[in-house]
Amino acid sequence: MELMRFLITIVFELFLMVVILRVWLQAARADFYNPVSQFVVKATNPLVLPLRKVIPMVGVWDLATIVLALLVSIAKFVALYAVHGYPMIWSDILLVGVLSAVSQFLQLLFWIVLIRALLSWFAQGYNPMQAILVQLTEPFLAPIRRIIPPLGGLDLSVLVLVIGIQALRILIGI
């Protein structure tokens, strides 16, 4: 039973991360020709394109992909409840699914900010992976830098953002 729970969680969460990345890449207007962007688009197109025929985009927000992210998150809990034989209370499943999708985004943001910070110490020259990380994280780090400027060459915006992300994840509780 534990193996099934593990496998269901891994499969759904990995796909959910890719779907969330698609929403995030589009909202950040990241480079579409970047290899990471190409992978994300190709991995999610089979499910996003049919939804997009029904659900339009609003500004930079691709509502079809956001709906897909919520559906994947909810489907994870439906599958877990079914495997364990728990009664399905749909209002609880919907709430937990939405909170789980938000928590997954925060976890993804945490790791991308951390990877960007580590790469900034070692990377030399242009790197397409680092370029996409900058495009994704700069909208979150720039407002913090306006409040807390670099002190003696040390940029504390990453630390402040990581603390904020972890605080939000604790508040969500998932």
C-alpha atoms as a PDB file:
ATOM      1  CA  MET A   1       0.000   0.000   0.000  1.00  0.00           C
ATOM      2  CA  GLU A   2       2.840   2.359   0.857  1.00  0.00           C
ATOM      3  CA  LEU A   3       4.465   1.692  -2.524  1.00  0.00           C
ATOM      4  CA  MET A   4       1.247   2.637  -4.345  1.00  0.00           C
ATOM      5  CA  ARG A   5       0.979   5.855  -2.349  1.00  0.00           C
ATOM      6  CA  PHE A   6       4.599   6.690  -3.169  1.00  0.00           C
ATOM      7  CA  LEU A   7       4.204   5.986  -6.897  1.00  0.00           C
ATOM      8  CA  ILE A   8       0.935   7.906  -7.207  1.00  0.00           C
ATOM      9  CA  THR A   9       2.406  10.876  -5.360  1.00  0.00           C
ATOM     10  CA  ILE A  10       5.593  10.929  -7.449  1.00  0.00           C
ATOM     11  CA  VAL A  11       3.852  10.630 -10.821  1.00  0.00           C
ATOM     12  CA  PHE A  12       1.234  13.281 -10.084  1.00  0.00           C
ATOM     13  CA  GLU A  13       3.649  15.713  -8.409  1.00  0.00           C
ATOM     14  CA  LEU A  14       6.249  15.489 -11.181  1.00  0.00           C
ATOM     15  CA  PHE A  15       3.625  16.185 -13.825  1.00  0.00           C
ATOM     16  CA  LEU A  16       2.126  18.940 -11.659  1.00  0.00           C
ATOM     17  CA  MET A  17       5.558  20.597 -11.472  1.00  0.00           C
ATOM     18  CA  VAL A  18       5.813  20.590 -15.255  1.00  0.00           C
ATOM     19  CA  VAL A  19       2.312  22.070 -15.606  1.00  0.00           C
ATOM     20  CA  ILE A  20       3.073  24.744 -13.004  1.00  0.00           C
ATOM     21  CA  LEU A  21       6.305  25.533 -14.833  1.00  0.00           C
ATOM     22  CA  ARG A  22       4.300  26.076 -18.017  1.00  0.00           C
ATOM     23  CA  VAL A  23       2.028  28.606 -16.298  1.00  0.00           C
ATOM     24  CA  TRP A  24       5.015  30.286 -14.709  1.00  0.00           C
ATOM     25  CA  LEU A  25       7.059  30.418 -17.931  1.00  0.00           C
ATOM     26  CA  GLN A  26       4.147  32.001 -19.785  1.00  0.00           C
ATOM     27  CA  ALA A  27       3.438  34.529 -17.023  1.00  0.00           C
ATOM     28  CA  ALA A  28       7.130  35.481 -16.833  1.00  0.00           C
ATOM     29  CA  ARG A  29       7.297  35.687 -20.643  1.00  0.00           C
ATOM     30  CA  ALA A  30      10.361  33.466 -20.528  1.00  0.00           C
ATOM     31  CA  ASP A  31      12.314  32.555 -23.635  1.00  0.00           C
ATOM     32  CA  PHE A  32      10.182  30.081 -25.590  1.00  0.00           C
ATOM     33  CA  TYR A  33      13.220  28.746 -27.479  1.00  0.00           C
ATOM     34  CA  ASN A  34      15.068  27.754 -24.323  1.00  0.00           C
ATOM     35  CA  PRO A  35      15.448  23.936 -24.105  1.00  0.00           C
ATOM     36  CA  VAL A  36      13.681  23.856 -20.729  1.00  0.00           C
ATOM     37  CA  SER A  37      10.724  25.795 -22.149  1.00  0.00           C
ATOM     38  CA  GLN A  38      10.579  23.483 -25.143  1.00  0.00           C
ATOM     39  CA  PHE A  39      10.453  20.405 -22.900  1.00  0.00           C
ATOM     40  CA  VAL A  40       7.713  21.891 -20.716  1.00  0.00           C
ATOM     41  CA  VAL A  41       5.565  22.853 -23.705  1.00  0.00           C
ATOM     42  CA  LYS A  42       5.959  19.499 -25.435  1.00  0.00           C
ATOM     43  CA  ALA A  43       5.238  17.548 -22.236  1.00  0.00           C
ATOM     44  CA  THR A  44       2.040  19.464 -21.478  1.00  0.00           C
ATOM     45  CA  ASN A  45       0.629  20.192 -24.955  1.00  0.00           C
ATOM     46  CA  PRO A  46      -1.408  16.956 -25.228  1.00  0.00           C
ATOM     47  CA  LEU A  47      -3.564  18.027 -22.274  1.00  0.00           C
ATOM     48  CA  VAL A  48      -3.359  21.823 -22.532  1.00  0.00           C
ATOM     49  CA  LEU A  49      -4.324  22.237 -26.193  1.00  0.00           C
ATOM     50  CA  PRO A  50      -7.752  20.530 -25.880  1.00  0.00           C
ATOM     51  CA  LEU A  51      -8.496  22.565 -22.737  1.00  0.00           C
ATOM     52  CA  ARG A  52      -7.437  25.773 -24.457  1.00  0.00           C
ATOM     53  CA  LYS A  53     -10.226  25.304 -27.015  1.00  0.00           C
ATOM     54  CA  VAL A  54     -12.705  25.664 -24.152  1.00  0.00           C
ATOM     55  CA  ILE A  55     -10.874  27.910 -21.674  1.00  0.00           C
ATOM     56  CA  PRO A  56      -9.282  31.117 -23.048  1.00  0.00           C
ATOM     57  CA  MET A  57      -6.204  33.040 -21.946  1.00  0.00           C
ATOM     58  CA  VAL A  58      -6.696  36.168 -19.865  1.00  0.00           C
ATOM     59  CA  GLY A  59      -3.771  38.540 -20.311  1.00  0.00           C
ATOM     60  CA  VAL A  60      -0.578  36.632 -19.509  1.00  0.00           C
ATOM     61  CA  TRP A  61      -2.517  33.986 -17.581  1.00  0.00           C
ATOM     62  CA  ASP A  62      -3.222  30.754 -19.408  1.00  0.00           C
ATOM     63  CA  LEU A  63      -6.386  29.686 -17.603  1.00  0.00           C
ATOM     64  CA  ALA A  64      -6.456  26.328 -19.395  1.00  0.00           C
ATOM     65  CA  THR A  65      -3.077  25.413 -17.933  1.00  0.00           C
ATOM     66  CA  ILE A  66      -4.066  26.685 -14.482  1.00  0.00           C
ATOM     67  CA  VAL A  67      -7.207  24.524 -14.631  1.00  0.00           C
ATOM     68  CA  LEU A  68      -5.057  21.571 -15.697  1.00  0.00           C
ATOM     69  CA  ALA A  69      -2.731  22.140 -12.716  1.00  0.00           C
ATOM     70  CA  LEU A  70      -5.711  22.139 -10.354  1.00  0.00           C
ATOM     71  CA  LEU A  71      -7.163  19.030 -12.005  1.00  0.00           C
ATOM     72  CA  VAL A  72      -3.853  17.167 -11.693  1.00  0.00           C
ATOM     73  CA  SER A  73      -3.562  18.157  -8.042  1.00  0.00           C
ATOM     74  CA  ILE A  74      -7.134  17.091  -7.310  1.00  0.00           C
ATOM     75  CA  ALA A  75      -6.694  13.847  -9.283  1.00  0.00           C
ATOM     76  CA  LYS A  76      -3.714  12.980  -7.083  1.00  0.00           C
ATOM     77  CA  PHE A  77      -5.893  13.076  -3.990  1.00  0.00           C
ATOM     78  CA  VAL A  78      -8.736  11.212  -5.675  1.00  0.00           C
ATOM     79  CA  ALA A  79      -6.274   8.445  -6.588  1.00  0.00           C
ATOM     80  CA  LEU A  80      -4.774   8.402  -3.085  1.00  0.00           C
ATOM     81  CA  TYR A  81      -8.208   8.278  -1.449  1.00  0.00           C
ATOM     82  CA  ALA A  82      -9.263   5.470  -3.794  1.00  0.00           C
ATOM     83  CA  VAL A  83      -6.150   3.400  -3.075  1.00  0.00           C
ATOM     84  CA  HIS A  84      -6.566   3.778   0.679  1.00  0.00           C
ATOM     85  CA  GLY A  85     -10.325   3.314   0.551  1.00  0.00           C
ATOM     86  CA  TYR A  86     -11.110   6.620   2.231  1.00  0.00           C
ATOM     87  CA  PRO A  87     -14.547   8.107   1.662  1.00  0.00           C
ATOM     88  CA  MET A  88     -14.374  10.912  -0.896  1.00  0.00           C
ATOM     89  CA  ILE A  89     -15.723  14.159   0.471  1.00  0.00           C
ATOM     90  CA  TRP A  90     -15.476  16.342  -2.606  1.00  0.00           C
ATOM     91  CA  SER A  91     -15.321  19.676  -0.791  1.00  0.00           C
ATOM     92  CA  ASP A  92     -12.302  18.444   1.187  1.00  0.00           C
ATOM     93  CA  ILE A  93     -10.644  16.999  -1.907  1.00  0.00           C
ATOM     94  CA  LEU A  94     -11.118  20.273  -3.818  1.00  0.00           C
ATOM     95  CA  LEU A  95      -9.696  22.348  -0.964  1.00  0.00           C
ATOM     96  CA  VAL A  96      -6.743  20.040  -0.390  1.00  0.00           C
ATOM     97  CA  GLY A  97      -6.116  19.888  -4.147  1.00  0.00           C
ATOM     98  CA  VAL A  98      -5.980  23.670  -4.492  1.00  0.00           C
ATOM     99  CA  LEU A  99      -3.771  24.073  -1.405  1.00  0.00           C
ATOM    100  CA  SER A 100      -1.512  21.281  -2.649  1.00  0.00           C
ATOM    101  CA  ALA A 101      -1.078  23.001  -6.031  1.00  0.00           C
ATOM    102  CA  VAL A 102      -0.137  26.257  -4.290  1.00  0.00           C
ATOM    103  CA  SER A 103       2.251  24.391  -1.999  1.00  0.00           C
ATOM    104  CA  GLN A 104       3.798  22.644  -5.002  1.00  0.00           C
ATOM    105  CA  PHE A 105       4.358  26.024  -6.678  1.00  0.00           C
ATOM    106  CA  LEU A 106       6.027  27.347  -3.523  1.00  0.00           C
ATOM    107  CA  GLN A 107       8.236  24.268  -3.314  1.00  0.00           C
ATOM    108  CA  LEU A 108       9.212  24.669  -6.963  1.00  0.00           C
ATOM    109  CA  LEU A 109       9.939  28.374  -6.397  1.00  0.00           C
ATOM    110  CA  PHE A 110      12.095  27.482  -3.382  1.00  0.00           C
ATOM    111  CA  TRP A 111      14.235  25.034  -5.346  1.00  0.00           C
ATOM    112  CA  ILE A 112      14.558  27.259  -8.396  1.00  0.00           C
ATOM    113  CA  VAL A 113      15.658  30.225  -6.252  1.00  0.00           C
ATOM    114  CA  LEU A 114      18.134  28.009  -4.408  1.00  0.00           C
ATOM    115  CA  ILE A 115      19.541  26.535  -7.628  1.00  0.00           C
ATOM    116  CA  ARG A 116      19.833  30.021  -9.143  1.00  0.00           C
ATOM    117  CA  ALA A 117      21.728  31.263  -6.084  1.00  0.00           C
ATOM    118  CA  LEU A 118      24.127  28.305  -6.189  1.00  0.00           C
ATOM    119  CA  LEU A 119      24.675  28.621  -9.944  1.00  0.00           C
ATOM    120  CA  SER A 120      25.473  32.318  -9.550  1.00  0.00           C
ATOM    121  CA  TRP A 121      28.554  31.338  -7.561  1.00  0.00           C
ATOM    122  CA  PHE A 122      29.926  28.944 -10.177  1.00  0.00           C
ATOM    123  CA  ALA A 123      28.517  29.768 -13.618  1.00  0.00           C
ATOM    124  CA  GLN A 124      30.707  31.584 -16.082  1.00  0.00           C
ATOM    125  CA  GLY A 125      29.306  33.196 -19.215  1.00  0.00           C
ATOM    126  CA  TYR A 126      25.935  32.505 -20.774  1.00  0.00           C
ATOM    127  CA  ASN A 127      24.132  29.349 -19.740  1.00  0.00           C
ATOM    128  CA  PRO A 128      20.584  28.669 -21.054  1.00  0.00           C
ATOM    129  CA  MET A 129      19.586  26.964 -17.803  1.00  0.00           C
ATOM    130  CA  GLN A 130      20.733  29.918 -15.725  1.00  0.00           C
ATOM    131  CA  ALA A 131      19.006  32.342 -18.114  1.00  0.00           C
ATOM    132  CA  ILE A 132      15.626  30.650 -17.624  1.00  0.00           C
ATOM    133  CA  LEU A 133      16.126  30.590 -13.838  1.00  0.00           C
ATOM    134  CA  VAL A 134      16.779  34.337 -13.877  1.00  0.00           C
ATOM    135  CA  GLN A 135      13.652  34.963 -15.968  1.00  0.00           C
ATOM    136  CA  LEU A 136      11.552  32.911 -13.543  1.00  0.00           C
ATOM    137  CA  THR A 137      12.891  34.284 -10.255  1.00  0.00           C
ATOM    138  CA  GLU A 138      13.594  37.939 -11.015  1.00  0.00           C
ATOM    139  CA  PRO A 139       9.914  39.009 -10.641  1.00  0.00           C
ATOM    140  CA  PHE A 140      10.054  37.707  -7.053  1.00  0.00           C
ATOM    141  CA  LEU A 141      13.529  38.966  -6.149  1.00  0.00           C
ATOM    142  CA  ALA A 142      13.415  42.464  -7.690  1.00  0.00           C
ATOM    143  CA  PRO A 143      10.759  43.880  -5.291  1.00  0.00           C
ATOM    144  CA  ILE A 144      12.737  42.569  -2.319  1.00  0.00           C
ATOM    145  CA  ARG A 145      15.921  44.198  -3.663  1.00  0.00           C
ATOM    146  CA  ARG A 146      14.113  47.544  -3.832  1.00  0.00           C
ATOM    147  CA  ILE A 147      13.396  47.279  -0.091  1.00  0.00           C
ATOM    148  CA  ILE A 148      16.663  45.626   0.974  1.00  0.00           C
ATOM    149  CA  PRO A 149      19.507  46.676  -1.333  1.00  0.00           C
ATOM    150  CA  PRO A 150      22.687  44.553  -1.503  1.00  0.00           C
ATOM    151  CA  LEU A 151      24.784  45.088   1.623  1.00  0.00           C
ATOM    152  CA  GLY A 152      28.523  45.098   0.997  1.00  0.00           C
ATOM    153  CA  GLY A 153      28.075  43.107  -2.200  1.00  0.00           C
ATOM    154  CA  LEU A 154      25.893  40.516  -0.467  1.00  0.00           C
ATOM    155  CA  ASP A 155      22.401  40.114  -1.911  1.00  0.00           C
ATOM    156  CA  LEU A 156      20.006  39.169   0.892  1.00  0.00           C
ATOM    157  CA  SER A 157      16.936  39.053  -1.368  1.00  0.00           C
ATOM    158  CA  VAL A 158      17.320  35.295  -1.884  1.00  0.00           C
ATOM    159  CA  LEU A 159      17.410  34.693   1.878  1.00  0.00           C
ATOM    160  CA  VAL A 160      14.344  36.866   2.455  1.00  0.00           C
ATOM    161  CA  LEU A 161      12.431  35.120  -0.343  1.00  0.00           C
ATOM    162  CA  VAL A 162      13.347  31.643   0.923  1.00  0.00           C
ATOM    163  CA  ILE A 163      12.196  32.551   4.439  1.00  0.00           C
ATOM    164  CA  GLY A 164       8.947  33.969   3.011  1.00  0.00           C
ATOM    165  CA  ILE A 165       8.336  30.849   0.931  1.00  0.00           C
ATOM    166  CA  GLN A 166       8.867  28.556   3.905  1.00  0.00           C
ATOM    167  CA  ALA A 167       6.578  30.715   6.074  1.00  0.00           C
ATOM    168  CA  LEU A 168       3.821  30.502   3.440  1.00  0.00           C
ATOM    169  CA  ARG A 169       4.242  26.724   3.179  1.00  0.00           C
ATOM    170  CA  ILE A 170       3.894  26.434   6.950  1.00  0.00           C
ATOM    171  CA  LEU A 171       0.733  28.565   6.856  1.00  0.00           C
ATOM    172  CA  ILE A 172      -0.753  26.389   4.105  1.00  0.00           C
ATOM    173  CA  GLY A 173       0.113  23.289   6.098  1.00  0.00           C
ATOM    174  CA  ILE A 174       0.457  20.827   3.216  1.00  0.00           C
END
